[in-house]
């Protein structure tokens, strides 16, 4: 019998690119199922809930080969590449 994928709910998370406020992110079967205001999320009794306590939830940090300093520097530079 195949194991049913676990549902994860990240609550009270700050999200990059979203307005101010806290958000909830539901992950089902390893994929983001929904994102919305934390206050609007119904109670989910079968889910593992992780309280982010206002911390920023970042996508992609499972890949250890990322260049955060280069990305941050690119945000302060003028893009002169082809468009």
N, C-alpha and C. Protein backbone atom coordinates (compact mmCIF):
# COMPACT_ATOMS: atom_id res chain seq x y z
N UNK A 1 0.84 -1.17 0.00
CA UNK A 1 0.00 0.00 0.00
C UNK A 1 0.89 1.24 0.00
N UNK A 2 0.65 2.17 -0.91
CA UNK A 2 1.44 3.40 -1.01
C UNK A 2 1.09 4.34 0.13
N UNK A 3 2.12 4.98 0.66
CA UNK A 3 1.92 5.94 1.74
C UNK A 3 1.32 7.23 1.16
N UNK A 4 0.30 7.72 1.80
CA UNK A 4 -0.35 8.96 1.36
C UNK A 4 0.57 10.15 1.64
N UNK A 5 0.76 11.05 0.67
CA UNK A 5 1.62 12.21 0.89
C UNK A 5 1.11 13.07 2.04
N UNK A 6 2.02 13.56 2.83
CA UNK A 6 1.66 14.40 3.97
C UNK A 6 1.34 15.82 3.51
N UNK A 7 0.36 16.41 4.15
CA UNK A 7 0.03 17.80 3.89
C UNK A 7 0.73 18.66 4.93
N UNK A 8 1.46 19.67 4.46
CA UNK A 8 2.13 20.61 5.34
C UNK A 8 1.45 21.96 5.22
N UNK A 9 1.28 22.63 6.34
CA UNK A 9 0.72 23.98 6.35
C UNK A 9 1.70 24.89 7.07
N UNK A 10 2.22 25.86 6.34
CA UNK A 10 3.08 26.88 6.94
C UNK A 10 2.18 28.05 7.28
N UNK A 11 2.08 28.40 8.57
CA UNK A 11 1.20 29.48 9.01
C UNK A 11 2.01 30.67 9.48
N UNK A 12 1.39 31.85 9.42
CA UNK A 12 1.98 33.10 9.89
C UNK A 12 3.35 33.35 9.28
N UNK A 13 3.43 33.19 7.93
CA UNK A 13 4.69 33.40 7.22
C UNK A 13 4.65 34.70 6.43
N UNK A 14 5.78 35.38 6.40
CA UNK A 14 5.96 36.52 5.53
C UNK A 14 6.43 35.97 4.18
N UNK A 15 5.93 36.53 3.07
CA UNK A 15 6.29 36.02 1.75
C UNK A 15 6.89 37.12 0.90
N UNK A 16 7.99 36.82 0.22
CA UNK A 16 8.60 37.78 -0.70
C UNK A 16 7.64 38.04 -1.86
N UNK A 17 7.53 39.29 -2.27
CA UNK A 17 6.68 39.63 -3.40
C UNK A 17 5.21 39.81 -3.05
N UNK A 18 4.86 39.57 -1.80
CA UNK A 18 3.49 39.77 -1.36
C UNK A 18 3.44 41.05 -0.53
N UNK A 19 2.28 41.54 -0.34
CA UNK A 19 2.12 42.73 0.48
C UNK A 19 2.40 42.42 1.94
N UNK A 20 2.32 43.45 2.78
CA UNK A 20 2.53 43.21 4.20
C UNK A 20 1.45 42.30 4.76
N UNK A 21 1.77 41.63 5.80
CA UNK A 21 0.82 40.71 6.42
C UNK A 21 1.40 39.32 6.50
N UNK A 22 0.66 38.45 7.14
CA UNK A 22 1.10 37.07 7.30
C UNK A 22 0.24 36.16 6.43
N UNK A 23 0.88 35.15 5.88
CA UNK A 23 0.23 34.27 4.93
C UNK A 23 0.33 32.82 5.37
N UNK A 24 -0.52 32.00 4.79
CA UNK A 24 -0.46 30.56 4.98
C UNK A 24 -0.16 29.92 3.63
N UNK A 25 0.67 28.89 3.66
CA UNK A 25 1.02 28.15 2.45
C UNK A 25 0.74 26.68 2.71
N UNK A 26 -0.07 26.06 1.86
CA UNK A 26 -0.41 24.65 1.99
C UNK A 26 0.37 23.87 0.93
N UNK A 27 1.11 22.87 1.38
CA UNK A 27 1.90 22.02 0.49
C UNK A 27 1.32 20.61 0.55
N UNK A 28 0.90 20.10 -0.60
CA UNK A 28 0.30 18.76 -0.67
C UNK A 28 1.07 17.93 -1.68
N UNK A 29 1.56 16.78 -1.25
CA UNK A 29 2.29 15.90 -2.16
C UNK A 29 3.55 16.54 -2.72
N UNK A 30 4.19 17.43 -1.95
CA UNK A 30 5.41 18.06 -2.38
C UNK A 30 5.23 19.27 -3.28
N UNK A 31 3.98 19.68 -3.52
CA UNK A 31 3.71 20.84 -4.37
C UNK A 31 2.84 21.83 -3.63
N UNK A 32 3.07 23.12 -3.91
CA UNK A 32 2.26 24.16 -3.27
C UNK A 32 0.82 24.03 -3.74
N UNK A 33 -0.08 23.86 -2.80
CA UNK A 33 -1.49 23.70 -3.12
C UNK A 33 -2.22 25.03 -3.16
N UNK A 34 -1.96 25.88 -2.16
CA UNK A 34 -2.59 27.20 -2.14
C UNK A 34 -1.82 28.13 -1.23
N UNK A 35 -1.97 29.41 -1.51
CA UNK A 35 -1.34 30.48 -0.72
C UNK A 35 -2.41 31.53 -0.49
N UNK A 36 -2.51 32.01 0.73
CA UNK A 36 -3.50 33.03 1.01
C UNK A 36 -3.28 33.66 2.37
N UNK A 37 -4.09 34.63 2.70
CA UNK A 37 -3.98 35.26 4.01
C UNK A 37 -4.14 34.21 5.11
N UNK A 38 -3.30 34.29 6.12
CA UNK A 38 -3.33 33.29 7.18
C UNK A 38 -4.67 33.22 7.87
N UNK A 39 -5.30 34.38 8.06
CA UNK A 39 -6.58 34.42 8.77
C UNK A 39 -7.68 33.71 8.00
N UNK A 40 -7.54 33.57 6.67
CA UNK A 40 -8.58 32.96 5.86
C UNK A 40 -8.48 31.46 5.71
N UNK A 41 -7.46 30.84 6.30
CA UNK A 41 -7.25 29.40 6.14
C UNK A 41 -8.10 28.62 7.13
N UNK A 42 -8.91 27.68 6.65
CA UNK A 42 -9.70 26.88 7.58
C UNK A 42 -8.80 25.93 8.37
N UNK A 43 -9.27 25.47 9.49
CA UNK A 43 -8.52 24.50 10.30
C UNK A 43 -8.36 23.20 9.53
N UNK A 44 -7.16 22.64 9.55
CA UNK A 44 -6.89 21.38 8.85
C UNK A 44 -6.34 20.40 9.89
N UNK A 45 -7.16 19.46 10.30
CA UNK A 45 -6.76 18.57 11.38
C UNK A 45 -5.78 17.50 10.92
N UNK A 46 -5.75 17.13 9.62
CA UNK A 46 -4.89 16.06 9.15
C UNK A 46 -3.52 16.58 8.70
N UNK A 47 -3.27 17.86 8.84
CA UNK A 47 -2.05 18.45 8.32
C UNK A 47 -1.01 18.63 9.42
N UNK A 48 0.25 18.62 9.01
CA UNK A 48 1.34 19.01 9.90
C UNK A 48 1.46 20.52 9.78
N UNK A 49 1.31 21.23 10.88
CA UNK A 49 1.31 22.69 10.88
C UNK A 49 2.64 23.19 11.41
N UNK A 50 3.27 24.10 10.65
CA UNK A 50 4.52 24.72 11.06
C UNK A 50 4.25 26.21 11.23
N UNK A 51 4.45 26.71 12.45
CA UNK A 51 4.24 28.12 12.75
C UNK A 51 5.53 28.88 12.43
N UNK A 52 5.49 29.74 11.43
CA UNK A 52 6.67 30.50 11.01
C UNK A 52 6.90 31.73 11.87
N UNK A 53 5.94 32.09 12.71
CA UNK A 53 6.06 33.21 13.65
C UNK A 53 6.55 34.49 12.98
N UNK A 54 6.09 34.75 11.76
CA UNK A 54 6.44 35.98 11.05
C UNK A 54 7.71 35.90 10.23
N UNK A 55 8.43 34.79 10.29
CA UNK A 55 9.65 34.64 9.49
C UNK A 55 9.30 34.55 8.01
N UNK A 56 10.26 34.89 7.16
CA UNK A 56 10.04 34.87 5.72
C UNK A 56 10.22 33.45 5.19
N UNK A 57 9.24 32.98 4.44
CA UNK A 57 9.28 31.67 3.82
C UNK A 57 9.82 31.85 2.40
N UNK A 58 10.95 31.22 2.10
CA UNK A 58 11.61 31.38 0.80
C UNK A 58 11.50 30.09 0.00
N UNK A 59 11.14 30.17 -1.27
CA UNK A 59 11.11 28.97 -2.11
C UNK A 59 12.52 28.63 -2.60
N UNK A 60 12.76 27.38 -2.86
CA UNK A 60 14.00 26.97 -3.53
C UNK A 60 15.20 26.77 -2.65
N UNK A 61 15.10 26.91 -1.36
CA UNK A 61 16.30 26.76 -0.54
C UNK A 61 16.67 25.30 -0.28
N UNK A 62 15.93 24.37 -0.87
CA UNK A 62 16.34 22.97 -0.79
C UNK A 62 17.54 22.71 -1.71
N UNK A 63 17.77 23.59 -2.69
CA UNK A 63 18.90 23.48 -3.61
C UNK A 63 20.06 24.23 -2.99
N UNK A 64 21.08 23.52 -2.59
CA UNK A 64 22.20 24.15 -1.88
C UNK A 64 23.13 24.92 -2.80
N UNK A 65 22.88 24.86 -4.11
CA UNK A 65 23.74 25.58 -5.05
C UNK A 65 22.99 26.80 -5.57
N UNK A 66 22.86 27.78 -4.72
CA UNK A 66 22.21 29.03 -5.11
C UNK A 66 23.17 30.18 -4.81
N UNK A 67 22.96 31.29 -5.44
CA UNK A 67 23.85 32.43 -5.32
C UNK A 67 23.10 33.63 -4.77
N UNK A 68 22.76 33.59 -3.48
CA UNK A 68 22.00 34.67 -2.88
C UNK A 68 22.74 36.01 -2.93
N UNK A 69 24.05 36.07 -2.64
CA UNK A 69 24.72 37.38 -2.73
C UNK A 69 24.69 37.96 -4.16
N UNK A 70 24.86 37.10 -5.17
CA UNK A 70 24.82 37.58 -6.56
C UNK A 70 23.42 38.07 -6.92
N UNK A 71 22.41 37.36 -6.46
CA UNK A 71 21.03 37.79 -6.72
C UNK A 71 20.75 39.13 -6.05
N UNK A 72 21.17 39.27 -4.80
CA UNK A 72 20.96 40.53 -4.08
C UNK A 72 21.67 41.68 -4.79
N UNK A 73 22.89 41.45 -5.28
CA UNK A 73 23.62 42.49 -6.01
C UNK A 73 22.91 42.85 -7.30
N UNK A 74 22.30 41.87 -7.96
CA UNK A 74 21.61 42.14 -9.23
C UNK A 74 20.40 43.05 -9.04
N UNK A 75 19.83 43.05 -7.87
CA UNK A 75 18.67 43.91 -7.59
C UNK A 75 19.05 45.38 -7.50
N UNK A 76 20.35 45.65 -7.29
CA UNK A 76 20.82 47.04 -7.16
C UNK A 76 21.53 47.52 -8.42
N UNK A 77 21.49 46.74 -9.50
CA UNK A 77 22.21 47.10 -10.73
C UNK A 77 21.22 47.34 -11.86
N UNK A 78 21.70 48.03 -12.89
CA UNK A 78 20.92 48.26 -14.09
C UNK A 78 21.13 47.09 -15.04
N UNK A 79 20.05 46.50 -15.53
CA UNK A 79 20.14 45.39 -16.47
C UNK A 79 20.41 45.93 -17.88
N UNK A 80 21.58 45.64 -18.41
CA UNK A 80 21.94 46.09 -19.75
C UNK A 80 21.94 44.94 -20.75
N UNK A 81 21.39 43.81 -20.35
CA UNK A 81 21.37 42.64 -21.23
C UNK A 81 20.30 42.75 -22.29
N UNK A 82 20.25 41.76 -23.19
CA UNK A 82 19.23 41.77 -24.24
C UNK A 82 17.84 41.57 -23.64
N UNK A 83 16.86 42.19 -24.26
CA UNK A 83 15.49 42.07 -23.77
C UNK A 83 14.62 41.41 -24.78
